[in-house]
């Protein structure tokens, strides 16, 4: 029986450095999804439906097939940048003819900030049995606005999935840390949490920084000035090298999990080792 790794994701221009061809392709998807014609992609809006059609078309172009018997089970999506990362990764696999030992399920959901509506719906009505889901890699809360040196990893110590993340990051010279601000409750505020609720090991990422560093100042300023505002647009500064570095990291984590002989396991004492935990 084949098992799948599931992606739920999601967000993010004056160039800090000149982007390479791969990053330009990624940014073209960001530009398409963040275009004014998409009207902010709000849940159930006409712009959302246009954006959903774009994502379906790009996934089909990359050779992806519908999962389950009811066609594409995307629900929708939120952040342009990391929907673009999913499309880019699918294109990379297709172009390289890369075959992984486990299959991958690309899951694009909507309504995260309205109460994880899309991921809750998917995990309550999955297109494959939950026991066949090996892991969930959530792409949300990621902002490539300063160099990628450190990644905060949500649910880092809950399962052996966190060990894989550390191994891949170490090989790339990227530091990994647990959430330094648990009081923000980021673990429960993004779509990986819906998968953890049904017993699927999951992780989410945040671009990390050293306390008191210039990177922290950039991070805080972005949330104060751009988060959930029209200023989160294509004209804002971003770091192409950081974006490309994260996309490469994500691809390596997925490939490591997909080709590993054993699936991730919950660690002793984790409250998520059984489904249905609230």
Protein backbone atom coordinates (compact mmCIF):
# COMPACT_ATOMS: atom_id res chain seq x y z
CA UNK A 1 0.00 0.00 0.00
CA UNK A 2 1.42 3.38 -0.99
CA UNK A 3 1.41 6.18 1.51
CA UNK A 4 1.31 9.88 0.87
CA UNK A 5 2.86 13.01 2.21
CA UNK A 6 0.34 15.84 2.35
CA UNK A 7 1.04 19.53 1.90
CA UNK A 8 -1.11 22.22 3.39
CA UNK A 9 0.46 25.59 3.05
CA UNK A 10 0.17 28.96 2.52
CA UNK A 11 2.00 33.70 1.93
CA UNK A 12 4.24 36.27 0.72
CA UNK A 13 8.82 43.38 -4.66
CA UNK A 14 12.01 45.28 -5.06
CA UNK A 15 14.86 42.77 -5.36
CA UNK A 16 17.47 42.56 -2.60
CA UNK A 17 19.54 40.37 -4.95
CA UNK A 18 19.05 39.39 -8.57
CA UNK A 19 16.84 36.26 -8.74
CA UNK A 20 17.96 33.22 -10.71
CA UNK A 21 15.79 31.54 -13.35
CA UNK A 22 14.15 29.12 -10.90
CA UNK A 23 13.25 31.97 -8.55
CA UNK A 24 11.90 34.03 -11.46
CA UNK A 25 9.59 31.14 -12.38
CA UNK A 26 8.45 30.89 -8.77
CA UNK A 27 7.85 34.64 -8.63
CA UNK A 28 5.76 34.49 -11.84
CA UNK A 29 3.26 32.30 -9.96
CA UNK A 30 3.31 34.70 -7.00
CA UNK A 31 2.62 37.60 -9.39
CA UNK A 32 -0.27 35.73 -11.02
CA UNK A 33 -1.90 34.84 -7.70
CA UNK A 34 -1.35 38.28 -6.14
CA UNK A 35 -2.63 40.11 -9.24
CA UNK A 36 -5.44 42.62 -8.67
CA UNK A 37 -7.70 40.47 -10.87
CA UNK A 38 -7.70 37.87 -8.08
CA UNK A 39 -9.28 40.47 -5.73
CA UNK A 40 -7.39 39.23 -2.69
CA UNK A 41 -8.59 35.63 -3.18
CA UNK A 42 -11.07 35.92 -0.32
CA UNK A 43 -12.97 32.73 0.44
CA UNK A 44 -15.91 32.13 -1.97
CA UNK A 45 -15.21 35.33 -3.97
CA UNK A 46 -14.96 35.52 -7.78
CA UNK A 47 -11.26 36.27 -7.36
CA UNK A 48 -10.86 33.12 -5.30
CA UNK A 49 -12.52 31.07 -8.04
CA UNK A 50 -10.23 32.59 -10.68
CA UNK A 51 -7.20 31.84 -8.52
CA UNK A 52 -8.41 28.27 -7.91
CA UNK A 53 -8.72 27.74 -11.68
CA UNK A 54 -5.18 29.03 -12.11
CA UNK A 55 -3.81 26.61 -9.51
CA UNK A 56 -5.68 23.66 -11.05
CA UNK A 57 -4.36 24.54 -14.51
CA UNK A 58 -0.77 24.83 -13.28
CA UNK A 59 -0.99 21.53 -11.38
CA UNK A 60 -2.38 19.83 -14.49
CA UNK A 61 0.45 21.32 -16.57
CA UNK A 62 2.90 19.81 -14.07
CA UNK A 63 1.33 16.40 -14.61
CA UNK A 64 -0.58 16.07 -11.32
CA UNK A 65 -3.68 13.87 -11.24
CA UNK A 66 -6.81 14.24 -9.08
CA UNK A 67 -6.76 12.43 -5.71
CA UNK A 68 -9.75 10.31 -4.76
CA UNK A 69 -12.92 9.93 -6.81
CA UNK A 70 -14.29 13.46 -6.65
CA UNK A 71 -11.64 15.37 -8.63
CA UNK A 72 -9.36 18.02 -7.20
CA UNK A 73 -9.96 18.41 -3.50
CA UNK A 74 -8.30 21.77 -3.06
CA UNK A 75 -10.93 23.74 -1.23
CA UNK A 76 -8.90 26.81 -2.10
CA UNK A 77 -5.78 28.58 -0.92
CA UNK A 78 -4.52 31.63 0.92
CA UNK A 79 -0.94 32.84 0.33
CA UNK A 80 0.32 33.35 -3.18
CA UNK A 81 3.99 32.71 -2.46
CA UNK A 82 3.70 29.25 -1.02
CA UNK A 83 0.99 28.12 -3.38
CA UNK A 84 3.63 29.12 -5.92
CA UNK A 85 6.14 26.95 -4.05
CA UNK A 86 3.84 23.95 -4.45
CA UNK A 87 3.41 24.61 -8.16
CA UNK A 88 7.15 25.13 -8.56
CA UNK A 89 7.92 21.87 -6.73
CA UNK A 90 5.44 19.95 -8.89
CA UNK A 91 7.06 21.44 -12.00
CA UNK A 92 10.52 20.50 -10.77
CA UNK A 93 9.52 16.88 -10.20
CA UNK A 94 7.81 16.73 -13.58
CA UNK A 95 10.68 18.33 -15.50
CA UNK A 96 13.26 16.06 -13.84
CA UNK A 97 11.16 12.92 -14.27
CA UNK A 98 11.77 12.35 -10.56
CA UNK A 99 9.99 9.33 -9.08
CA UNK A 100 9.71 9.12 -5.29
CA UNK A 101 9.03 5.94 -3.31
CA UNK A 102 5.94 7.44 -1.68
CA UNK A 103 3.29 9.40 -3.54
CA UNK A 104 2.57 13.04 -2.75
CA UNK A 105 -0.78 14.71 -2.21
CA UNK A 106 -0.83 18.45 -2.92
CA UNK A 107 -3.61 19.94 -0.81
CA UNK A 108 -4.47 23.62 -1.22
CA UNK A 109 -7.01 24.83 1.34
CA UNK A 110 -8.93 28.01 2.13
CA UNK A 111 -10.33 29.77 5.18
CA UNK A 112 -7.33 29.27 7.46
CA UNK A 113 -7.82 32.61 9.18
CA UNK A 114 -11.56 31.96 9.50
CA UNK A 115 -10.87 28.96 11.75
CA UNK A 116 -8.86 26.50 9.63
CA UNK A 117 -12.04 25.87 7.63
CA UNK A 118 -10.43 24.30 4.57
CA UNK A 119 -8.06 21.97 6.40
CA UNK A 120 -10.75 21.00 8.90
CA UNK A 121 -13.04 20.10 6.02
CA UNK A 122 -10.34 18.12 4.25
CA UNK A 123 -9.33 16.15 7.33
CA UNK A 124 -12.99 15.39 8.07
CA UNK A 125 -13.58 14.33 4.43
CA UNK A 126 -10.17 13.15 3.20
CA UNK A 127 -9.69 11.81 -0.32
CA UNK A 128 -7.47 9.05 1.09
CA UNK A 129 -7.63 7.25 4.43
CA UNK A 130 -5.83 9.19 7.22
CA UNK A 131 -3.76 6.12 8.12
CA UNK A 132 -2.21 6.34 4.66
CA UNK A 133 -1.04 9.92 5.28
CA UNK A 134 2.57 9.71 6.37
CA UNK A 135 3.18 13.39 7.13
CA UNK A 136 1.95 16.92 6.56
CA UNK A 137 4.35 19.70 5.57
CA UNK A 138 2.56 23.01 6.05
CA UNK A 139 3.59 26.07 4.05
CA UNK A 140 2.31 29.11 5.91
CA UNK A 141 3.69 31.96 8.01
CA UNK A 142 6.73 32.16 5.73
CA UNK A 143 8.08 35.54 4.70
CA UNK A 144 11.30 35.67 2.56
CA UNK A 145 12.12 39.22 3.63
CA UNK A 146 15.59 38.66 5.11
CA UNK A 147 18.34 36.04 4.65
CA UNK A 148 17.39 32.50 5.62
CA UNK A 149 19.74 31.45 8.41
CA UNK A 150 17.29 30.09 10.97
CA UNK A 151 13.89 28.40 10.77
CA UNK A 152 11.43 28.23 13.63
CA UNK A 153 9.74 24.84 13.30
CA UNK A 154 6.32 24.34 14.83
CA UNK A 155 5.69 20.88 16.34
CA UNK A 156 9.44 20.28 16.06
CA UNK A 157 9.68 17.88 19.00
CA UNK A 158 6.32 16.12 18.65
CA UNK A 159 7.46 13.51 16.12
CA UNK A 160 10.50 12.13 14.29
CA UNK A 161 9.49 14.39 11.41
CA UNK A 162 11.33 17.10 13.33
CA UNK A 163 14.49 14.97 13.27
CA UNK A 164 14.32 14.81 9.47
CA UNK A 165 13.89 18.58 9.33
CA UNK A 166 17.00 19.04 11.49
CA UNK A 167 19.09 16.67 9.34
CA UNK A 168 18.15 18.39 6.09
CA UNK A 169 18.68 21.86 7.55
CA UNK A 170 22.08 20.94 9.00
CA UNK A 171 23.32 19.83 5.58
CA UNK A 172 22.31 23.25 4.21
CA UNK A 173 23.74 25.28 7.09
CA UNK A 174 20.28 26.36 8.28
CA UNK A 175 19.61 26.50 12.01
CA UNK A 176 16.42 24.98 13.45
CA UNK A 177 14.71 26.12 16.64
CA UNK A 178 11.40 25.39 18.40
CA UNK A 179 8.86 28.17 18.66
CA UNK A 180 10.46 30.92 20.81
CA UNK A 181 7.07 32.63 21.30
CA UNK A 182 4.58 29.88 22.22
CA UNK A 183 2.29 32.51 23.69
CA UNK A 184 1.35 33.49 20.11
CA UNK A 185 -0.21 30.04 19.75
CA UNK A 186 1.06 29.61 16.17
CA UNK A 187 0.91 25.83 16.51
CA UNK A 188 -2.89 25.84 16.69
CA UNK A 189 -3.47 28.72 14.27
CA UNK A 190 -2.36 27.11 11.02
CA UNK A 191 -3.44 24.15 8.90
CA UNK A 192 -0.90 21.59 10.11
CA UNK A 193 -2.92 21.51 13.33
CA UNK A 194 -5.92 19.96 11.57
CA UNK A 195 -3.72 17.09 10.40
CA UNK A 196 -2.21 16.63 13.84
CA UNK A 197 -5.76 16.34 15.18
CA UNK A 198 -6.31 13.19 13.10
CA UNK A 199 -2.97 11.67 14.09
CA UNK A 200 -0.81 12.74 11.13
CA UNK A 201 2.69 14.01 12.12
CA UNK A 202 3.12 17.56 10.85
CA UNK A 203 5.40 20.58 10.92
CA UNK A 204 5.11 24.24 9.98
CA UNK A 205 7.85 26.83 9.48
CA UNK A 206 8.54 30.50 10.25
CA UNK A 207 11.62 32.41 9.07
CA UNK A 208 13.57 32.72 12.31
CA UNK A 209 15.84 35.41 13.72
CA UNK A 210 18.08 36.11 16.67
CA UNK A 211 16.43 38.20 19.35
CA UNK A 212 17.43 41.84 19.02
CA UNK A 213 18.84 41.36 15.50
CA UNK A 214 18.13 43.48 12.40
CA UNK A 215 16.21 40.50 11.02
CA UNK A 216 13.84 40.65 13.98
CA UNK A 217 13.28 44.35 13.30
CA UNK A 218 12.38 43.56 9.66
CA UNK A 219 10.04 40.77 10.81
CA UNK A 220 8.24 42.95 13.38
CA UNK A 221 7.94 45.84 10.94
CA UNK A 222 6.43 43.57 8.26
CA UNK A 223 3.72 42.40 10.67
CA UNK A 224 3.02 45.94 11.83
CA UNK A 225 2.86 47.47 8.35
CA UNK A 226 1.95 44.74 5.85
CA UNK A 227 0.25 41.78 7.55
CA UNK A 228 -3.40 41.51 6.42
CA UNK A 229 -3.17 44.80 4.58
CA UNK A 230 -2.98 46.03 0.94
CA UNK A 231 0.73 46.63 1.55
CA UNK A 232 1.36 42.88 1.25
CA UNK A 233 1.74 43.33 -2.51
CA UNK A 234 4.15 42.71 -5.39
CA UNK A 235 5.97 46.01 -4.81
CA UNK A 236 7.34 45.16 -1.37
CA UNK A 237 11.02 44.30 -0.79
CA UNK A 238 11.88 40.62 -0.66
CA UNK A 239 14.98 38.42 -0.73
CA UNK A 240 15.13 36.12 -3.79
CA UNK A 241 18.06 34.17 -2.34
CA UNK A 242 16.11 33.46 0.86
CA UNK A 243 13.05 32.41 -1.16
CA UNK A 244 15.10 30.07 -3.35
CA UNK A 245 16.92 28.66 -0.33
CA UNK A 246 13.67 27.85 1.45
CA UNK A 247 12.15 26.28 -1.67
CA UNK A 248 15.23 24.07 -1.96
CA UNK A 249 15.00 23.16 1.73
CA UNK A 250 11.32 22.27 1.36
CA UNK A 251 12.04 20.07 -1.66
CA UNK A 252 14.83 18.26 0.18
CA UNK A 253 12.63 17.62 3.23
CA UNK A 254 9.84 16.22 1.08
CA UNK A 255 12.18 14.00 -0.91
CA UNK A 256 13.85 12.72 2.28
CA UNK A 257 10.48 11.79 3.77
CA UNK A 258 9.14 10.29 0.57
CA UNK A 259 12.18 8.06 0.08
CA UNK A 260 12.72 7.10 3.74
CA UNK A 261 12.25 3.42 4.62
CA UNK A 262 10.18 4.32 7.71
CA UNK A 263 7.33 6.79 8.14
CA UNK A 264 7.56 9.51 10.82
CA UNK A 265 6.43 8.47 14.29
CA UNK A 266 5.04 10.44 17.20
CA UNK A 267 7.50 10.73 20.07
CA UNK A 268 6.66 9.25 23.48
CA UNK A 269 4.51 11.61 25.48
CA UNK A 270 3.18 13.61 22.54
CA UNK A 271 -0.53 14.35 23.06
CA UNK A 272 -1.03 14.00 19.31
CA UNK A 273 -0.07 10.35 19.21
CA UNK A 274 -3.78 9.57 19.15
CA UNK A 275 -6.32 11.34 16.91
CA UNK A 276 -9.17 13.43 18.20
CA UNK A 277 -7.15 15.44 20.74
CA UNK A 278 -8.50 18.97 21.35
